[in-house]
């Protein structure tokens, strides 16, 4: 069960929490105006170092997001990666 499914009321105002997607938008192409959107899906430790070979951060888990439909507060929930 997802976090928002089990906690569907805003702790601030009691409004309904609705799932949303956060994304980052890269710079737009000056010729076409198009840009690349990237979803915010993962988190890692604040002091994490990038790998030497691929320059990627190791994800510690995923991020689930929701927003209150009444007060518009955004909630981020970290879901730790399962150990393999």
C-alpha atoms as a PDB file:
ATOM      1  CA  UNK A   1       0.000   0.000   0.000  1.00  0.00           C
ATOM      2  CA  UNK A   2       1.362   3.423  -0.876  1.00  0.00           C
ATOM      3  CA  UNK A   3       1.942   6.045   1.792  1.00  0.00           C
ATOM      4  CA  UNK A   4      -0.695   8.419   0.405  1.00  0.00           C
ATOM      5  CA  UNK A   5      -3.245   5.623   0.207  1.00  0.00           C
ATOM      6  CA  UNK A   6      -2.883   5.017   3.939  1.00  0.00           C
ATOM      7  CA  UNK A   7      -2.653   8.730   4.857  1.00  0.00           C
ATOM      8  CA  UNK A   8      -5.124  10.558   2.622  1.00  0.00           C
ATOM      9  CA  UNK A   9      -5.843  13.587   4.858  1.00  0.00           C
ATOM     10  CA  UNK A  10      -3.599  16.648   5.128  1.00  0.00           C
ATOM     11  CA  UNK A  11      -2.181  16.955   8.668  1.00  0.00           C
ATOM     12  CA  UNK A  12      -2.402  20.769   8.428  1.00  0.00           C
ATOM     13  CA  UNK A  13      -5.967  21.370   7.269  1.00  0.00           C
ATOM     14  CA  UNK A  14      -7.596  17.946   6.876  1.00  0.00           C
ATOM     15  CA  UNK A  15      -7.962  18.367   3.099  1.00  0.00           C
ATOM     16  CA  UNK A  16      -7.690  15.479   0.647  1.00  0.00           C
ATOM     17  CA  UNK A  17      -4.200  14.448  -0.506  1.00  0.00           C
ATOM     18  CA  UNK A  18      -3.897  13.789  -4.218  1.00  0.00           C
ATOM     19  CA  UNK A  19      -0.914  12.138  -5.911  1.00  0.00           C
ATOM     20  CA  UNK A  20       1.222  14.446  -8.072  1.00  0.00           C
ATOM     21  CA  UNK A  21       4.430  14.154 -10.106  1.00  0.00           C
ATOM     22  CA  UNK A  22       7.413  16.457  -9.589  1.00  0.00           C
ATOM     23  CA  UNK A  23       9.745  17.105 -12.501  1.00  0.00           C
ATOM     24  CA  UNK A  24      12.692  19.242 -13.484  1.00  0.00           C
ATOM     25  CA  UNK A  25      12.798  21.043 -16.812  1.00  0.00           C
ATOM     26  CA  UNK A  26      16.068  21.464 -18.654  1.00  0.00           C
ATOM     27  CA  UNK A  27      16.975  24.504 -20.725  1.00  0.00           C
ATOM     28  CA  UNK A  28      14.837  25.050 -23.800  1.00  0.00           C
ATOM     29  CA  UNK A  29      16.192  24.670 -27.298  1.00  0.00           C
ATOM     30  CA  UNK A  30      16.382  28.179 -28.835  1.00  0.00           C
ATOM     31  CA  UNK A  31      15.266  26.889 -32.253  1.00  0.00           C
ATOM     32  CA  UNK A  32      12.319  24.701 -31.312  1.00  0.00           C
ATOM     33  CA  UNK A  33      11.506  25.912 -27.796  1.00  0.00           C
ATOM     34  CA  UNK A  34      11.402  22.281 -26.659  1.00  0.00           C
ATOM     35  CA  UNK A  35      12.967  21.194 -23.372  1.00  0.00           C
ATOM     36  CA  UNK A  36      13.648  17.867 -21.690  1.00  0.00           C
ATOM     37  CA  UNK A  37      11.540  17.103 -18.621  1.00  0.00           C
ATOM     38  CA  UNK A  38      12.880  14.716 -16.002  1.00  0.00           C
ATOM     39  CA  UNK A  39      10.736  13.184 -13.257  1.00  0.00           C
ATOM     40  CA  UNK A  40      11.939  13.354  -9.651  1.00  0.00           C
ATOM     41  CA  UNK A  41      11.873   9.680  -8.678  1.00  0.00           C
ATOM     42  CA  UNK A  42      14.826   8.923  -6.391  1.00  0.00           C
ATOM     43  CA  UNK A  43      16.682  10.215  -3.357  1.00  0.00           C
ATOM     44  CA  UNK A  44      20.130   9.631  -1.882  1.00  0.00           C
ATOM     45  CA  UNK A  45      22.196  10.765   1.084  1.00  0.00           C
ATOM     46  CA  UNK A  46      23.041  14.493   1.179  1.00  0.00           C
ATOM     47  CA  UNK A  47      26.768  13.759   1.076  1.00  0.00           C
ATOM     48  CA  UNK A  48      26.626  11.082  -1.624  1.00  0.00           C
ATOM     49  CA  UNK A  49      29.468  11.044  -4.127  1.00  0.00           C
ATOM     50  CA  UNK A  50      29.051  10.407  -7.831  1.00  0.00           C
ATOM     51  CA  UNK A  51      30.469   7.173  -9.217  1.00  0.00           C
ATOM     52  CA  UNK A  52      33.783   7.555 -11.042  1.00  0.00           C
ATOM     53  CA  UNK A  53      32.771   5.668 -14.159  1.00  0.00           C
ATOM     54  CA  UNK A  54      29.214   6.800 -14.928  1.00  0.00           C
ATOM     55  CA  UNK A  55      29.030   9.939 -12.731  1.00  0.00           C
ATOM     56  CA  UNK A  56      25.715   8.698 -11.309  1.00  0.00           C
ATOM     57  CA  UNK A  57      24.483   8.916  -7.728  1.00  0.00           C
ATOM     58  CA  UNK A  58      23.449   5.682  -6.031  1.00  0.00           C
ATOM     59  CA  UNK A  59      19.758   5.872  -5.177  1.00  0.00           C
ATOM     60  CA  UNK A  60      18.801   5.078  -1.597  1.00  0.00           C
ATOM     61  CA  UNK A  61      15.096   4.882  -2.404  1.00  0.00           C
ATOM     62  CA  UNK A  62      12.205   6.409  -4.321  1.00  0.00           C
ATOM     63  CA  UNK A  63      10.117   9.511  -3.677  1.00  0.00           C
ATOM     64  CA  UNK A  64       6.319   9.460  -3.523  1.00  0.00           C
ATOM     65  CA  UNK A  65       4.611  12.849  -3.776  1.00  0.00           C
ATOM     66  CA  UNK A  66       1.181  14.232  -2.982  1.00  0.00           C
ATOM     67  CA  UNK A  67      -0.451  17.638  -2.634  1.00  0.00           C
ATOM     68  CA  UNK A  68      -3.360  18.794  -0.482  1.00  0.00           C
ATOM     69  CA  UNK A  69      -6.291  19.857  -2.653  1.00  0.00           C
ATOM     70  CA  UNK A  70      -7.336  22.466  -0.046  1.00  0.00           C
ATOM     71  CA  UNK A  71      -4.154  24.227   1.177  1.00  0.00           C
ATOM     72  CA  UNK A  72      -1.846  23.061  -1.666  1.00  0.00           C
ATOM     73  CA  UNK A  73       0.942  21.900   0.647  1.00  0.00           C
ATOM     74  CA  UNK A  74       3.208  19.381  -1.091  1.00  0.00           C
ATOM     75  CA  UNK A  75       4.306  16.247   0.764  1.00  0.00           C
ATOM     76  CA  UNK A  76       7.341  14.139  -0.113  1.00  0.00           C
ATOM     77  CA  UNK A  77       7.623  10.592   1.235  1.00  0.00           C
ATOM     78  CA  UNK A  78      10.844   8.600   0.981  1.00  0.00           C
ATOM     79  CA  UNK A  79      10.448   4.890   0.360  1.00  0.00           C
ATOM     80  CA  UNK A  80      13.757   3.127   1.141  1.00  0.00           C
ATOM     81  CA  UNK A  81      15.137   0.689  -1.386  1.00  0.00           C
ATOM     82  CA  UNK A  82      14.773  -2.907  -0.315  1.00  0.00           C
ATOM     83  CA  UNK A  83      18.004  -4.724   0.434  1.00  0.00           C
ATOM     84  CA  UNK A  84      18.795  -7.505  -2.004  1.00  0.00           C
END
